[in-house]
Structure formats: C-alpha cells, structure tokens
Amino acid sequence: MSFASFGDFLAMGHHGLYVWSAYGICLAVLIFNVVAPIAARKRYLQQEARRLRRENGK
C-alpha cells in the first residue's frame, strides 16, 4: 500500500483513528508488562527491608 503524502499515511484511508489508537493501546500494554513487575519487585524488596529492620530492632 502506498500513500500520496504523509497526511494520507496518517489518515490510513479514513481508518487512522482506529489504526493509531490500536498501536497506542498495544504500546501501552507492552510498556505496562515491562514496568509493572519491576515496580512490584521494588515494592517487595522495600517491604522486606522494613520487616527485617523491625525484627532486628527488637
């Protein structure tokens, strides 16, 4: 498929909103799948560090 201009490429034959929103949602899900486990691990390590400090303080 070829396009006459960059504007036509973005419009995707009047389906641009659907196409680009699908790409955006897909990208958001991929980013979430990378970031969520990293954040969960960080939270877990912080909670364990707090728990160990509490136990060693007694």
N, C-alpha and C. Protein backbone atom coordinates (compact mmCIF):
# COMPACT_ATOMS: atom_id res chain seq x y z
N MET A 1 0.85 -1.17 0.00
CA MET A 1 0.00 0.00 0.00
C MET A 1 0.89 1.23 0.00
N SER A 2 0.66 2.14 -0.91
CA SER A 2 1.44 3.36 -0.97
C SER A 2 0.51 4.56 -0.72
N PHE A 3 1.11 5.61 -0.21
CA PHE A 3 0.35 6.81 0.13
C PHE A 3 0.93 7.98 -0.63
N ALA A 4 0.06 8.90 -1.02
CA ALA A 4 0.48 10.07 -1.79
C ALA A 4 1.21 11.09 -0.91
N SER A 5 0.88 11.13 0.37
CA SER A 5 1.51 12.09 1.27
C SER A 5 1.54 11.53 2.69
N PHE A 6 2.26 12.22 3.53
CA PHE A 6 2.33 11.81 4.93
C PHE A 6 0.97 11.93 5.60
N GLY A 7 0.20 12.91 5.22
CA GLY A 7 -1.16 13.08 5.75
C GLY A 7 -2.05 11.89 5.39
N ASP A 8 -1.90 11.40 4.16
CA ASP A 8 -2.66 10.20 3.77
C ASP A 8 -2.22 8.99 4.58
N PHE A 9 -0.91 8.92 4.85
CA PHE A 9 -0.40 7.83 5.67
C PHE A 9 -1.03 7.87 7.06
N LEU A 10 -1.08 9.04 7.66
CA LEU A 10 -1.67 9.17 9.00
C LEU A 10 -3.17 8.87 8.98
N ALA A 11 -3.85 9.27 7.90
CA ALA A 11 -5.29 9.04 7.80
C ALA A 11 -5.62 7.58 7.55
N MET A 12 -4.69 6.83 6.96
CA MET A 12 -4.88 5.39 6.68
C MET A 12 -6.21 5.10 6.00
N GLY A 13 -6.51 5.85 4.99
CA GLY A 13 -7.75 5.61 4.27
C GLY A 13 -8.98 5.81 5.13
N HIS A 14 -8.98 6.83 5.95
CA HIS A 14 -10.07 7.18 6.88
C HIS A 14 -10.21 6.19 8.04
N HIS A 15 -9.21 5.33 8.24
CA HIS A 15 -9.22 4.40 9.38
C HIS A 15 -8.10 4.74 10.35
N GLY A 16 -7.50 5.90 10.20
CA GLY A 16 -6.35 6.29 11.00
C GLY A 16 -6.62 6.29 12.50
N LEU A 17 -7.78 6.77 12.90
CA LEU A 17 -8.10 6.82 14.32
C LEU A 17 -8.07 5.42 14.92
N TYR A 18 -8.66 4.47 14.25
CA TYR A 18 -8.68 3.08 14.72
C TYR A 18 -7.27 2.49 14.71
N VAL A 19 -6.56 2.68 13.61
CA VAL A 19 -5.23 2.09 13.46
C VAL A 19 -4.27 2.64 14.50
N TRP A 20 -4.20 3.95 14.63
CA TRP A 20 -3.23 4.56 15.53
C TRP A 20 -3.61 4.36 16.99
N SER A 21 -4.91 4.32 17.30
CA SER A 21 -5.30 4.03 18.68
C SER A 21 -4.97 2.57 19.02
N ALA A 22 -5.10 1.65 18.07
CA ALA A 22 -4.73 0.25 18.31
C ALA A 22 -3.23 0.14 18.58
N TYR A 23 -2.43 0.84 17.78
CA TYR A 23 -0.99 0.85 18.03
C TYR A 23 -0.68 1.45 19.40
N GLY A 24 -1.34 2.52 19.76
CA GLY A 24 -1.11 3.17 21.05
C GLY A 24 -1.47 2.27 22.23
N ILE A 25 -2.61 1.61 22.13
CA ILE A 25 -3.03 0.70 23.20
C ILE A 25 -2.05 -0.46 23.32
N CYS A 26 -1.64 -1.00 22.18
CA CYS A 26 -0.68 -2.10 22.18
C CYS A 26 0.64 -1.67 22.84
N LEU A 27 1.12 -0.50 22.49
CA LEU A 27 2.35 0.02 23.08
C LEU A 27 2.19 0.23 24.58
N ALA A 28 1.04 0.76 25.01
CA ALA A 28 0.80 0.97 26.44
C ALA A 28 0.80 -0.36 27.20
N VAL A 29 0.19 -1.38 26.63
CA VAL A 29 0.16 -2.70 27.28
C VAL A 29 1.57 -3.28 27.37
N LEU A 30 2.35 -3.15 26.31
CA LEU A 30 3.73 -3.66 26.34
C LEU A 30 4.56 -2.95 27.40
N ILE A 31 4.42 -1.64 27.48
CA ILE A 31 5.15 -0.87 28.49
C ILE A 31 4.71 -1.29 29.89
N PHE A 32 3.40 -1.46 30.09
CA PHE A 32 2.90 -1.90 31.39
C PHE A 32 3.47 -3.26 31.77
N ASN A 33 3.55 -4.17 30.79
CA ASN A 33 4.06 -5.51 31.05
C ASN A 33 5.54 -5.51 31.42
N VAL A 34 6.25 -4.47 31.08
CA VAL A 34 7.66 -4.35 31.47
C VAL A 34 7.77 -3.64 32.83
N VAL A 35 7.01 -2.57 33.01
CA VAL A 35 7.16 -1.72 34.19
C VAL A 35 6.52 -2.34 35.44
N ALA A 36 5.39 -2.97 35.31
CA ALA A 36 4.66 -3.50 36.49
C ALA A 36 5.49 -4.49 37.30
N PRO A 37 6.13 -5.49 36.71
CA PRO A 37 6.93 -6.41 37.53
C PRO A 37 8.14 -5.73 38.19
N ILE A 38 8.72 -4.76 37.51
CA ILE A 38 9.85 -4.04 38.09
C ILE A 38 9.39 -3.27 39.32
N ALA A 39 8.25 -2.60 39.22
CA ALA A 39 7.71 -1.84 40.36
C ALA A 39 7.30 -2.78 41.49
N ALA A 40 6.71 -3.92 41.16
CA ALA A 40 6.30 -4.88 42.18
C ALA A 40 7.52 -5.43 42.92
N ARG A 41 8.58 -5.71 42.20
CA ARG A 41 9.80 -6.22 42.83
C ARG A 41 10.39 -5.17 43.77
N LYS A 42 10.40 -3.92 43.32
CA LYS A 42 10.93 -2.83 44.14
C LYS A 42 10.11 -2.69 45.43
N ARG A 43 8.77 -2.74 45.31
CA ARG A 43 7.91 -2.66 46.49
C ARG A 43 8.18 -3.83 47.44
N TYR A 44 8.31 -5.03 46.88
CA TYR A 44 8.56 -6.22 47.70
C TYR A 44 9.88 -6.08 48.46
N LEU A 45 10.93 -5.65 47.78
CA LEU A 45 12.23 -5.50 48.44
C LEU A 45 12.19 -4.44 49.54
N GLN A 46 11.44 -3.35 49.30
CA GLN A 46 11.31 -2.32 50.33
C GLN A 46 10.55 -2.85 51.54
N GLN A 47 9.49 -3.62 51.30
CA GLN A 47 8.71 -4.19 52.40
C GLN A 47 9.56 -5.18 53.20
N GLU A 48 10.33 -6.00 52.51
CA GLU A 48 11.20 -6.96 53.21
C GLU A 48 12.27 -6.24 54.01
N ALA A 49 12.84 -5.18 53.48
CA ALA A 49 13.85 -4.41 54.20
C ALA A 49 13.25 -3.81 55.46
N ARG A 50 12.01 -3.27 55.34
CA ARG A 50 11.33 -2.73 56.53
C ARG A 50 11.07 -3.80 57.57
N ARG A 51 10.63 -4.97 57.10
CA ARG A 51 10.35 -6.08 58.01
C ARG A 51 11.62 -6.53 58.73
N LEU A 52 12.72 -6.62 58.01
CA LEU A 52 13.98 -7.04 58.64
C LEU A 52 14.47 -6.00 59.64
N ARG A 53 14.31 -4.72 59.31
CA ARG A 53 14.71 -3.67 60.27
C ARG A 53 13.87 -3.76 61.53
N ARG A 54 12.55 -4.02 61.37
CA ARG A 54 11.68 -4.16 62.53
C ARG A 54 12.09 -5.34 63.38
N GLU A 55 12.36 -6.48 62.77
CA GLU A 55 12.73 -7.68 63.50
C GLU A 55 14.07 -7.55 64.18
N ASN A 56 15.02 -6.89 63.56
CA ASN A 56 16.34 -6.72 64.16
C ASN A 56 16.34 -5.65 65.23
N GLY A 57 15.39 -4.76 65.21
CA GLY A 57 15.31 -3.71 66.20
C GLY A 57 14.77 -4.19 67.53
N LYS A 58 14.11 -5.35 67.57
CA LYS A 58 13.50 -5.84 68.82
C LYS A 58 14.51 -6.52 69.70
